[in-house]
PDB file of N, CA and C in Angstrom:
ATOM      1  N   ASP A   1      18.017 -14.548  11.972  1.00  0.00           N
ATOM      2  CA  ASP A   1      16.913 -14.441  11.032  1.00  0.00           C
ATOM      3  C   ASP A   1      16.763 -13.031  10.491  1.00  0.00           C
ATOM      4  N   GLY A   2      17.679 -12.122  10.832  1.00  0.00           N
ATOM      5  CA  GLY A   2      17.635 -10.769  10.293  1.00  0.00           C
ATOM      6  C   GLY A   2      16.953  -9.740  11.177  1.00  0.00           C
ATOM      7  N   LEU A   3      16.261 -10.183  12.238  1.00  0.00           N
ATOM      8  CA  LEU A   3      15.562  -9.261  13.132  1.00  0.00           C
ATOM      9  C   LEU A   3      16.509  -8.822  14.240  1.00  0.00           C
ATOM     10  N   LEU A   4      16.632  -7.517  14.426  1.00  0.00           N
ATOM     11  CA  LEU A   4      17.469  -6.965  15.489  1.00  0.00           C
ATOM     12  C   LEU A   4      16.633  -6.053  16.368  1.00  0.00           C
ATOM     13  N   TRP A   5      16.787  -6.220  17.677  1.00  0.00           N
ATOM     14  CA  TRP A   5      16.090  -5.373  18.650  1.00  0.00           C
ATOM     15  C   TRP A   5      17.040  -5.136  19.803  1.00  0.00           C
ATOM     16  N   ASP A   6      17.420  -3.896  20.000  1.00  0.00           N
ATOM     17  CA  ASP A   6      18.373  -3.571  21.060  1.00  0.00           C
ATOM     18  C   ASP A   6      17.694  -2.996  22.298  1.00  0.00           C
ATOM     19  N   GLY A   7      16.373  -3.186  22.400  1.00  0.00           N
ATOM     20  CA  GLY A   7      15.621  -2.628  23.512  1.00  0.00           C
ATOM     21  C   GLY A   7      14.978  -1.299  23.151  1.00  0.00           C
ATOM     22  N   GLU A   8      15.477  -0.666  22.098  1.00  0.00           N
ATOM     23  CA  GLU A   8      14.919   0.595  21.600  1.00  0.00           C
ATOM     24  C   GLU A   8      14.553   0.478  20.132  1.00  0.00           C
ATOM     25  N   LYS A   9      15.554   0.298  19.296  1.00  0.00           N
ATOM     26  CA  LYS A   9      15.347   0.239  17.850  1.00  0.00           C
ATOM     27  C   LYS A   9      15.087  -1.201  17.411  1.00  0.00           C
ATOM     28  N   ILE A  10      14.159  -1.336  16.453  1.00  0.00           N
ATOM     29  CA  ILE A  10      13.836  -2.646  15.895  1.00  0.00           C
ATOM     30  C   ILE A  10      14.039  -2.557  14.392  1.00  0.00           C
ATOM     31  N   SER A  11      14.786  -3.525  13.836  1.00  0.00           N
ATOM     32  CA  SER A  11      14.992  -3.530  12.391  1.00  0.00           C
ATOM     33  C   SER A  11      15.011  -4.963  11.874  1.00  0.00           C
ATOM     34  N   PHE A  12      14.757  -5.086  10.587  1.00  0.00           N
ATOM     35  CA  PHE A  12      14.834  -6.377   9.911  1.00  0.00           C
ATOM     36  C   PHE A  12      15.661  -6.175   8.649  1.00  0.00           C
ATOM     37  N   ASN A  13      16.825  -6.816   8.611  1.00  0.00           N
ATOM     38  CA  ASN A  13      17.754  -6.670   7.478  1.00  0.00           C
ATOM     39  C   ASN A  13      17.983  -5.204   7.118  1.00  0.00           C
ATOM     40  N   GLY A  14      18.120  -4.368   8.140  1.00  0.00           N
ATOM     41  CA  GLY A  14      18.406  -2.957   7.946  1.00  0.00           C
ATOM     42  C   GLY A  14      17.188  -2.072   7.721  1.00  0.00           C
ATOM     43  N   LEU A  15      15.994  -2.660   7.593  1.00  0.00           N
ATOM     44  CA  LEU A  15      14.765  -1.887   7.394  1.00  0.00           C
ATOM     45  C   LEU A  15      14.074  -1.669   8.734  1.00  0.00           C
ATOM     46  N   ARG A  16      13.462  -0.508   8.898  1.00  0.00           N
ATOM     47  CA  ARG A  16      12.812  -0.161  10.161  1.00  0.00           C
ATOM     48  C   ARG A  16      11.513  -0.937  10.365  1.00  0.00           C
ATOM     49  N   VAL A  17      11.296  -1.375  11.592  1.00  0.00           N
ATOM     50  CA  VAL A  17      10.089  -2.115  11.978  1.00  0.00           C
ATOM     51  C   VAL A  17       9.240  -1.208  12.863  1.00  0.00           C
ATOM     52  N   SER A  18       7.956  -1.064  12.522  1.00  0.00           N
ATOM     53  CA  SER A  18       7.078  -0.168  13.287  1.00  0.00           C
ATOM     54  C   SER A  18       6.491  -0.835  14.525  1.00  0.00           C
ATOM     55  N   GLU A  19       6.218  -2.127  14.455  1.00  0.00           N
ATOM     56  CA  GLU A  19       5.646  -2.862  15.593  1.00  0.00           C
ATOM     57  C   GLU A  19       6.288  -4.243  15.676  1.00  0.00           C
ATOM     58  N   LEU A  20       6.509  -4.689  16.897  1.00  0.00           N
ATOM     59  CA  LEU A  20       7.033  -6.025  17.146  1.00  0.00           C
ATOM     60  C   LEU A  20       6.045  -6.740  18.050  1.00  0.00           C
ATOM     61  N   TYR A  21       5.544  -7.885  17.610  1.00  0.00           N
ATOM     62  CA  TYR A  21       4.616  -8.686  18.401  1.00  0.00           C
ATOM     63  C   TYR A  21       5.366  -9.894  18.936  1.00  0.00           C
ATOM     64  N   LEU A  22       5.428 -10.019  20.252  1.00  0.00           N
ATOM     65  CA  LEU A  22       6.046 -11.169  20.902  1.00  0.00           C
ATOM     66  C   LEU A  22       4.912 -12.107  21.297  1.00  0.00           C
ATOM     67  N   VAL A  23       4.803 -13.229  20.599  1.00  0.00           N
ATOM     68  CA  VAL A  23       3.674 -14.140  20.762  1.00  0.00           C
ATOM     69  C   VAL A  23       4.150 -15.390  21.480  1.00  0.00           C
ATOM     70  N   ASP A  24       3.636 -15.583  22.700  1.00  0.00           N
ATOM     71  CA  ASP A  24       3.948 -16.780  23.486  1.00  0.00           C
ATOM     72  C   ASP A  24       2.622 -17.263  24.034  1.00  0.00           C
ATOM     73  N   ALA A  25       2.445 -17.316  25.332  1.00  0.00           N
ATOM     74  CA  ALA A  25       1.139 -17.672  25.900  1.00  0.00           C
ATOM     75  C   ALA A  25       0.143 -16.546  25.662  1.00  0.00           C
ATOM     76  N   GLY A  26       0.648 -15.339  25.539  1.00  0.00           N
ATOM     77  CA  GLY A  26      -0.152 -14.163  25.213  1.00  0.00           C
ATOM     78  C   GLY A  26       0.573 -13.365  24.149  1.00  0.00           C
ATOM     79  N   VAL A  27       0.149 -12.136  23.953  1.00  0.00           N
ATOM     80  CA  VAL A  27       0.771 -11.282  22.938  1.00  0.00           C
ATOM     81  C   VAL A  27       1.237  -9.995  23.600  1.00  0.00           C
ATOM     82  N   ARG A  28       2.502  -9.678  23.417  1.00  0.00           N
ATOM     83  CA  ARG A  28       3.058  -8.410  23.891  1.00  0.00           C
ATOM     84  C   ARG A  28       3.440  -7.592  22.663  1.00  0.00           C
ATOM     85  N   LYS A  29       2.926  -6.384  22.576  1.00  0.00           N
ATOM     86  CA  LYS A  29       3.202  -5.505  21.440  1.00  0.00           C
ATOM     87  C   LYS A  29       4.235  -4.464  21.844  1.00  0.00           C
ATOM     88  N   VAL A  30       5.317  -4.378  21.082  1.00  0.00           N
ATOM     89  CA  VAL A  30       6.392  -3.428  21.344  1.00  0.00           C
ATOM     90  C   VAL A  30       6.383  -2.390  20.222  1.00  0.00           C
ATOM     91  N   GLU A  31       6.316  -1.113  20.615  1.00  0.00           N
ATOM     92  CA  GLU A  31       6.325  -0.024  19.635  1.00  0.00           C
ATOM     93  C   GLU A  31       7.728   0.136  19.073  1.00  0.00           C
ATOM     94  N   GLY A  32       7.811   0.239  17.767  1.00  0.00           N
ATOM     95  CA  GLY A  32       9.084   0.469  17.100  1.00  0.00           C
ATOM     96  C   GLY A  32       9.116   1.857  16.496  1.00  0.00           C
ATOM     97  N   ASP A  33       9.625   1.956  15.299  1.00  0.00           N
ATOM     98  CA  ASP A  33       9.733   3.226  14.583  1.00  0.00           C
ATOM     99  C   ASP A  33       8.406   3.535  13.896  1.00  0.00           C
ATOM    100  N   PRO A  34       7.745   4.641  14.248  1.00  0.00           N
ATOM    101  CA  PRO A  34       6.456   4.971  13.631  1.00  0.00           C
ATOM    102  C   PRO A  34       6.539   5.139  12.113  1.00  0.00           C
ATOM    103  N   GLN A  35       7.726   5.420  11.601  1.00  0.00           N
ATOM    104  CA  GLN A  35       7.914   5.573  10.157  1.00  0.00           C
ATOM    105  C   GLN A  35       8.283   4.258   9.471  1.00  0.00           C
ATOM    106  N   GLY A  36       8.447   3.190  10.254  1.00  0.00           N
ATOM    107  CA  GLY A  36       8.834   1.902   9.684  1.00  0.00           C
ATOM    108  C   GLY A  36       7.738   1.307   8.815  1.00  0.00           C
ATOM    109  N   GLY A  37       8.135   0.578   7.798  1.00  0.00           N
ATOM    110  CA  GLY A  37       7.175  -0.013   6.873  1.00  0.00           C
ATOM    111  C   GLY A  37       6.899  -1.478   7.115  1.00  0.00           C
ATOM    112  N   LEU A  38       7.462  -2.042   8.195  1.00  0.00           N
ATOM    113  CA  LEU A  38       7.311  -3.469   8.465  1.00  0.00           C
ATOM    114  C   LEU A  38       6.773  -3.710   9.869  1.00  0.00           C
ATOM    115  N   VAL A  39       6.137  -4.860  10.055  1.00  0.00           N
ATOM    116  CA  VAL A  39       5.778  -5.362  11.381  1.00  0.00           C
ATOM    117  C   VAL A  39       6.368  -6.763  11.499  1.00  0.00           C
ATOM    118  N   ALA A  40       6.758  -7.140  12.711  1.00  0.00           N
ATOM    119  CA  ALA A  40       7.370  -8.447  12.929  1.00  0.00           C
ATOM    120  C   ALA A  40       6.614  -9.193  14.018  1.00  0.00           C
ATOM    121  N   PHE A  41       6.467 -10.492  13.816  1.00  0.00           N
ATOM    122  CA  PHE A  41       5.817 -11.381  14.769  1.00  0.00           C
ATOM    123  C   PHE A  41       6.837 -12.433  15.187  1.00  0.00           C
ATOM    124  N   VAL A  42       7.195 -12.458  16.474  1.00  0.00           N
ATOM    125  CA  VAL A  42       8.085 -13.488  16.996  1.00  0.00           C
ATOM    126  C   VAL A  42       7.189 -14.563  17.599  1.00  0.00           C
ATOM    127  N   LEU A  43       7.171 -15.732  16.975  1.00  0.00           N
ATOM    128  CA  LEU A  43       6.308 -16.843  17.383  1.00  0.00           C
ATOM    129  C   LEU A  43       7.156 -17.838  18.163  1.00  0.00           C
ATOM    130  N   TYR A  44       7.188 -17.676  19.477  1.00  0.00           N
ATOM    131  CA  TYR A  44       8.057 -18.492  20.318  1.00  0.00           C
ATOM    132  C   TYR A  44       7.740 -19.975  20.224  1.00  0.00           C
ATOM    133  N   ASP A  45       6.454 -20.343  20.189  1.00  0.00           N
ATOM    134  CA  ASP A  45       6.103 -21.761  20.176  1.00  0.00           C
ATOM    135  C   ASP A  45       6.503 -22.449  18.873  1.00  0.00           C
ATOM    136  N   ARG A  46       6.706 -21.678  17.807  1.00  0.00           N
ATOM    137  CA  ARG A  46       7.125 -22.251  16.518  1.00  0.00           C
ATOM    138  C   ARG A  46       8.597 -21.981  16.225  1.00  0.00           C
ATOM    139  N   ASN A  47       9.257 -21.245  17.140  1.00  0.00           N
ATOM    140  CA  ASN A  47      10.656 -20.862  16.962  1.00  0.00           C
ATOM    141  C   ASN A  47      10.850 -20.188  15.600  1.00  0.00           C
ATOM    142  N   ARG A  48       9.988 -19.193  15.330  1.00  0.00           N
ATOM    143  CA  ARG A  48       9.959 -18.566  14.013  1.00  0.00           C
ATOM    144  C   ARG A  48       9.643 -17.078  14.145  1.00  0.00           C
ATOM    145  N   THR A  49      10.193 -16.300  13.231  1.00  0.00           N
ATOM    146  CA  THR A  49       9.868 -14.884  13.123  1.00  0.00           C
ATOM    147  C   THR A  49       9.296 -14.632  11.738  1.00  0.00           C
ATOM    148  N   VAL A  50       8.194 -13.895  11.687  1.00  0.00           N
ATOM    149  CA  VAL A  50       7.546 -13.569  10.418  1.00  0.00           C
ATOM    150  C   VAL A  50       7.480 -12.050  10.309  1.00  0.00           C
ATOM    151  N   VAL A  51       7.859 -11.532   9.152  1.00  0.00           N
ATOM    152  CA  VAL A  51       7.847 -10.090   8.913  1.00  0.00           C
ATOM    153  C   VAL A  51       6.898  -9.802   7.756  1.00  0.00           C
ATOM    154  N   LEU A  52       6.008  -8.826   7.961  1.00  0.00           N
ATOM    155  CA  LEU A  52       5.031  -8.431   6.945  1.00  0.00           C
ATOM    156  C   LEU A  52       5.116  -6.933   6.690  1.00  0.00           C
ATOM    157  N   GLU A  53       4.617  -6.520   5.534  1.00  0.00           N
ATOM    158  CA  GLU A  53       4.463  -5.091   5.295  1.00  0.00           C
ATOM    159  C   GLU A  53       3.458  -4.548   6.299  1.00  0.00           C
ATOM    160  N   ARG A  54       3.657  -3.334   6.723  1.00  0.00           N
ATOM    161  CA  ARG A  54       2.839  -2.718   7.771  1.00  0.00           C
ATOM    162  C   ARG A  54       1.337  -2.739   7.452  1.00  0.00           C
ATOM    163  N   GLY A  55       0.969  -2.639   6.199  1.00  0.00           N
ATOM    164  CA  GLY A  55      -0.435  -2.622   5.803  1.00  0.00           C
ATOM    165  C   GLY A  55      -1.185  -3.897   6.139  1.00  0.00           C
ATOM    166  N   TYR A  56      -0.460  -4.984   6.388  1.00  0.00           N
ATOM    167  CA  TYR A  56      -1.094  -6.261   6.714  1.00  0.00           C
ATOM    168  C   TYR A  56      -1.168  -6.530   8.216  1.00  0.00           C
ATOM    169  N   GLU A  57      -0.728  -5.579   9.015  1.00  0.00           N
ATOM    170  CA  GLU A  57      -0.670  -5.767  10.473  1.00  0.00           C
ATOM    171  C   GLU A  57      -2.016  -6.167  11.069  1.00  0.00           C
ATOM    172  N   ASP A  58      -3.095  -5.520  10.667  1.00  0.00           N
ATOM    173  CA  ASP A  58      -4.415  -5.803  11.229  1.00  0.00           C
ATOM    174  C   ASP A  58      -5.258  -6.698  10.329  1.00  0.00           C
ATOM    175  N   SER A  59      -4.632  -7.387   9.392  1.00  0.00           N
ATOM    176  CA  SER A  59      -5.387  -8.245   8.477  1.00  0.00           C
ATOM    177  C   SER A  59      -5.920  -9.475   9.204  1.00  0.00           C
ATOM    178  N   MET A  60      -6.988 -10.034   8.679  1.00  0.00           N
ATOM    179  CA  MET A  60      -7.545 -11.253   9.269  1.00  0.00           C
ATOM    180  C   MET A  60      -6.515 -12.376   9.213  1.00  0.00           C
ATOM    181  N   PHE A  61      -5.718 -12.425   8.152  1.00  0.00           N
ATOM    182  CA  PHE A  61      -4.671 -13.439   8.038  1.00  0.00           C
ATOM    183  C   PHE A  61      -3.701 -13.355   9.212  1.00  0.00           C
ATOM    184  N   ALA A  62      -3.197 -12.160   9.492  1.00  0.00           N
ATOM    185  CA  ALA A  62      -2.254 -11.994  10.602  1.00  0.00           C
ATOM    186  C   ALA A  62      -2.908 -12.343  11.927  1.00  0.00           C
ATOM    187  N   ARG A  63      -4.156 -11.929  12.106  1.00  0.00           N
ATOM    188  CA  ARG A  63      -4.850 -12.213  13.369  1.00  0.00           C
ATOM    189  C   ARG A  63      -5.060 -13.712  13.559  1.00  0.00           C
ATOM    190  N   LEU A  64      -5.471 -14.403  12.504  1.00  0.00           N
ATOM    191  CA  LEU A  64      -5.728 -15.837  12.625  1.00  0.00           C
ATOM    192  C   LEU A  64      -4.442 -16.635  12.753  1.00  0.00           C
ATOM    193  N   VAL A  65      -3.516 -16.426  11.829  1.00  0.00           N
ATOM    194  CA  VAL A  65      -2.336 -17.279  11.737  1.00  0.00           C
ATOM    195  C   VAL A  65      -1.282 -16.958  12.788  1.00  0.00           C
ATOM    196  N   PHE A  66      -1.017 -15.683  13.028  1.00  0.00           N
ATOM    197  CA  PHE A  66       0.074 -15.330  13.929  1.00  0.00           C
ATOM    198  C   PHE A  66      -0.370 -15.057  15.358  1.00  0.00           C
ATOM    199  N   LEU A  67      -1.522 -14.420  15.522  1.00  0.00           N
ATOM    200  CA  LEU A  67      -1.969 -14.047  16.861  1.00  0.00           C
ATOM    201  C   LEU A  67      -2.983 -15.022  17.438  1.00  0.00           C
ATOM    202  N   GLY A  68      -3.527 -15.918  16.606  1.00  0.00           N
ATOM    203  CA  GLY A  68      -4.504 -16.896  17.089  1.00  0.00           C
ATOM    204  C   GLY A  68      -5.802 -16.258  17.532  1.00  0.00           C
ATOM    205  N   ASP A  69      -6.141 -15.110  16.931  1.00  0.00           N
ATOM    206  CA  ASP A  69      -7.317 -14.341  17.328  1.00  0.00           C
ATOM    207  C   ASP A  69      -8.251 -14.210  16.143  1.00  0.00           C
ATOM    208  N   GLY A  70      -9.471 -14.681  16.299  1.00  0.00           N
ATOM    209  CA  GLY A  70     -10.446 -14.607  15.220  1.00  0.00           C
ATOM    210  C   GLY A  70     -11.125 -13.273  15.096  1.00  0.00           C
ATOM    211  N   GLY A  71     -10.786 -12.319  15.932  1.00  0.00           N
ATOM    212  CA  GLY A  71     -11.320 -10.977  15.820  1.00  0.00           C
ATOM    213  C   GLY A  71     -12.816 -10.880  16.001  1.00  0.00           C
ATOM    214  N   GLY A  72     -13.413 -11.820  16.737  1.00  0.00           N
ATOM    215  CA  GLY A  72     -14.848 -11.792  16.948  1.00  0.00           C
ATOM    216  C   GLY A  72     -15.642 -12.302  15.759  1.00  0.00           C
ATOM    217  N   VAL A  73     -14.954 -12.727  14.703  1.00  0.00           N
ATOM    218  CA  VAL A  73     -15.613 -13.227  13.497  1.00  0.00           C
ATOM    219  C   VAL A  73     -15.465 -14.740  13.388  1.00  0.00           C
ATOM    220  N   PHE A  74     -14.277 -15.244  13.756  1.00  0.00           N
ATOM    221  CA  PHE A  74     -14.000 -16.678  13.693  1.00  0.00           C
ATOM    222  C   PHE A  74     -13.554 -17.180  15.055  1.00  0.00           C
ATOM    223  N   ARG A  75     -13.711 -18.483  15.271  1.00  0.00           N
ATOM    224  CA  ARG A  75     -13.157 -19.120  16.470  1.00  0.00           C
ATOM    225  C   ARG A  75     -12.480 -20.416  16.037  1.00  0.00           C
ATOM    226  N   ALA A  76     -11.490 -20.807  16.792  1.00  0.00           N
ATOM    227  CA  ALA A  76     -10.778 -22.045  16.487  1.00  0.00           C
ATOM    228  C   ALA A  76     -11.671 -23.220  16.851  1.00  0.00           C
ATOM    229  N   ALA A  77     -12.023 -24.025  15.863  1.00  0.00           N
ATOM    230  CA  ALA A  77     -12.877 -25.191  16.090  1.00  0.00           C
ATOM    231  C   ALA A  77     -12.044 -26.397  16.491  1.00  0.00           C
ATOM    232  N   MET A  78     -10.811 -26.481  15.951  1.00  0.00           N
ATOM    233  CA  MET A  78      -9.944 -27.615  16.244  1.00  0.00           C
ATOM    234  C   MET A  78      -8.495 -27.207  16.009  1.00  0.00           C
ATOM    235  N   ARG A  79      -7.609 -27.690  16.880  1.00  0.00           N
ATOM    236  CA  ARG A  79      -6.175 -27.466  16.705  1.00  0.00           C
ATOM    237  C   ARG A  79      -5.455 -28.798  16.815  1.00  0.00           C
ATOM    238  N   SER A  80      -4.511 -29.001  15.917  1.00  0.00           N
ATOM    239  CA  SER A  80      -3.694 -30.205  15.945  1.00  0.00           C
ATOM    240  C   SER A  80      -2.314 -29.839  15.408  1.00  0.00           C
ATOM    241  N   ARG A  81      -1.351 -29.761  16.290  1.00  0.00           N
ATOM    242  CA  ARG A  81       0.013 -29.369  15.949  1.00  0.00           C
ATOM    243  C   ARG A  81       0.024 -28.021  15.254  1.00  0.00           C
ATOM    244  N   ASP A  82       0.415 -27.948  13.988  1.00  0.00           N
ATOM    245  CA  ASP A  82       0.489 -26.669  13.277  1.00  0.00           C
ATOM    246  C   ASP A  82      -0.758 -26.356  12.464  1.00  0.00           C
ATOM    247  N   VAL A  83      -1.824 -27.125  12.631  1.00  0.00           N
ATOM    248  CA  VAL A  83      -3.052 -26.923  11.853  1.00  0.00           C
ATOM    249  C   VAL A  83      -4.166 -26.441  12.771  1.00  0.00           C
ATOM    250  N   THR A  84      -4.852 -25.382  12.352  1.00  0.00           N
ATOM    251  CA  THR A  84      -6.015 -24.881  13.078  1.00  0.00           C
ATOM    252  C   THR A  84      -7.173 -24.770  12.105  1.00  0.00           C
ATOM    253  N   VAL A  85      -8.322 -25.299  12.488  1.00  0.00           N
ATOM    254  CA  VAL A  85      -9.539 -25.178  11.687  1.00  0.00           C
ATOM    255  C   VAL A  85     -10.388 -24.093  12.325  1.00  0.00           C
ATOM    256  N   TRP A  86     -10.736 -23.068  11.543  1.00  0.00           N
ATOM    257  CA  TRP A  86     -11.518 -21.935  12.023  1.00  0.00           C
ATOM    258  C   TRP A  86     -12.935 -22.047  11.510  1.00  0.00           C
ATOM    259  N   GLU A  87     -13.896 -21.601  12.331  1.00  0.00           N
ATOM    260  CA  GLU A  87     -15.292 -21.575  11.910  1.00  0.00           C
ATOM    261  C   GLU A  87     -15.883 -20.212  12.245  1.00  0.00           C
ATOM    262  N   PRO A  88     -16.868 -19.772  11.443  1.00  0.00           N
ATOM    263  CA  PRO A  88     -17.501 -18.486  11.749  1.00  0.00           C
ATOM    264  C   PRO A  88     -18.264 -18.562  13.062  1.00  0.00           C
ATOM    265  N   ILE A  89     -18.273 -17.459  13.789  1.00  0.00           N
ATOM    266  CA  ILE A  89     -19.001 -17.410  15.054  1.00  0.00           C
ATOM    267  C   ILE A  89     -20.494 -17.336  14.808  1.00  0.00           C
ATOM    268  N   ARG A  90     -20.898 -16.710  13.708  1.00  0.00           N
ATOM    269  CA  ARG A  90     -22.325 -16.636  13.395  1.00  0.00           C
ATOM    270  C   ARG A  90     -22.541 -16.976  11.925  1.00  0.00           C
ATOM    271  N   ASP A  91     -23.751 -17.305  11.575  1.00  0.00           N
ATOM    272  CA  ASP A  91     -24.107 -17.614  10.196  1.00  0.00           C
ATOM    273  C   ASP A  91     -24.346 -16.301   9.462  1.00  0.00           C
ATOM    274  N   TRP A  92     -23.491 -15.970   8.514  1.00  0.00           N
ATOM    275  CA  TRP A  92     -23.573 -14.692   7.805  1.00  0.00           C
ATOM    276  C   TRP A  92     -24.806 -14.606   6.907  1.00  0.00           C
ATOM    277  N   ASN A  93     -25.410 -15.744   6.557  1.00  0.00           N
ATOM    278  CA  ASN A  93     -26.600 -15.725   5.707  1.00  0.00           C
ATOM    279  C   ASN A  93     -27.862 -15.349   6.475  1.00  0.00           C
ATOM    280  N   THR A  94     -27.872 -15.629   7.777  1.00  0.00           N
ATOM    281  CA  THR A  94     -29.060 -15.333   8.577  1.00  0.00           C
ATOM    282  C   THR A  94     -28.870 -14.112   9.459  1.00  0.00           C
ATOM    283  N   GLY A  95     -27.634 -13.631   9.553  1.00  0.00           N
ATOM    284  CA  GLY A  95     -27.375 -12.435  10.355  1.00  0.00           C
ATOM    285  C   GLY A  95     -27.230 -12.795  11.764  1.00  0.00           C
TER     286      GLY A  95
END
């Protein structure tokens, strides 16, 4: 899939990867090249690797879809195979 990791260096199609997230029952974060412009998520349960620009590493999208973490804002209300329904933890209109 283009991702290479030799235990030290991490790259995707020759481009440097700054962080590698190994997502299985939990999440293990591996430090890559601090100058790298990409982050990679290895999703073992889906047998898939997803690579994003580094600026999206802490995005709500990455947290919800790849890490399964609502960041204290959302929680998974229902899961069925590859579909997850998220709901807000609190009502934003009432605070």
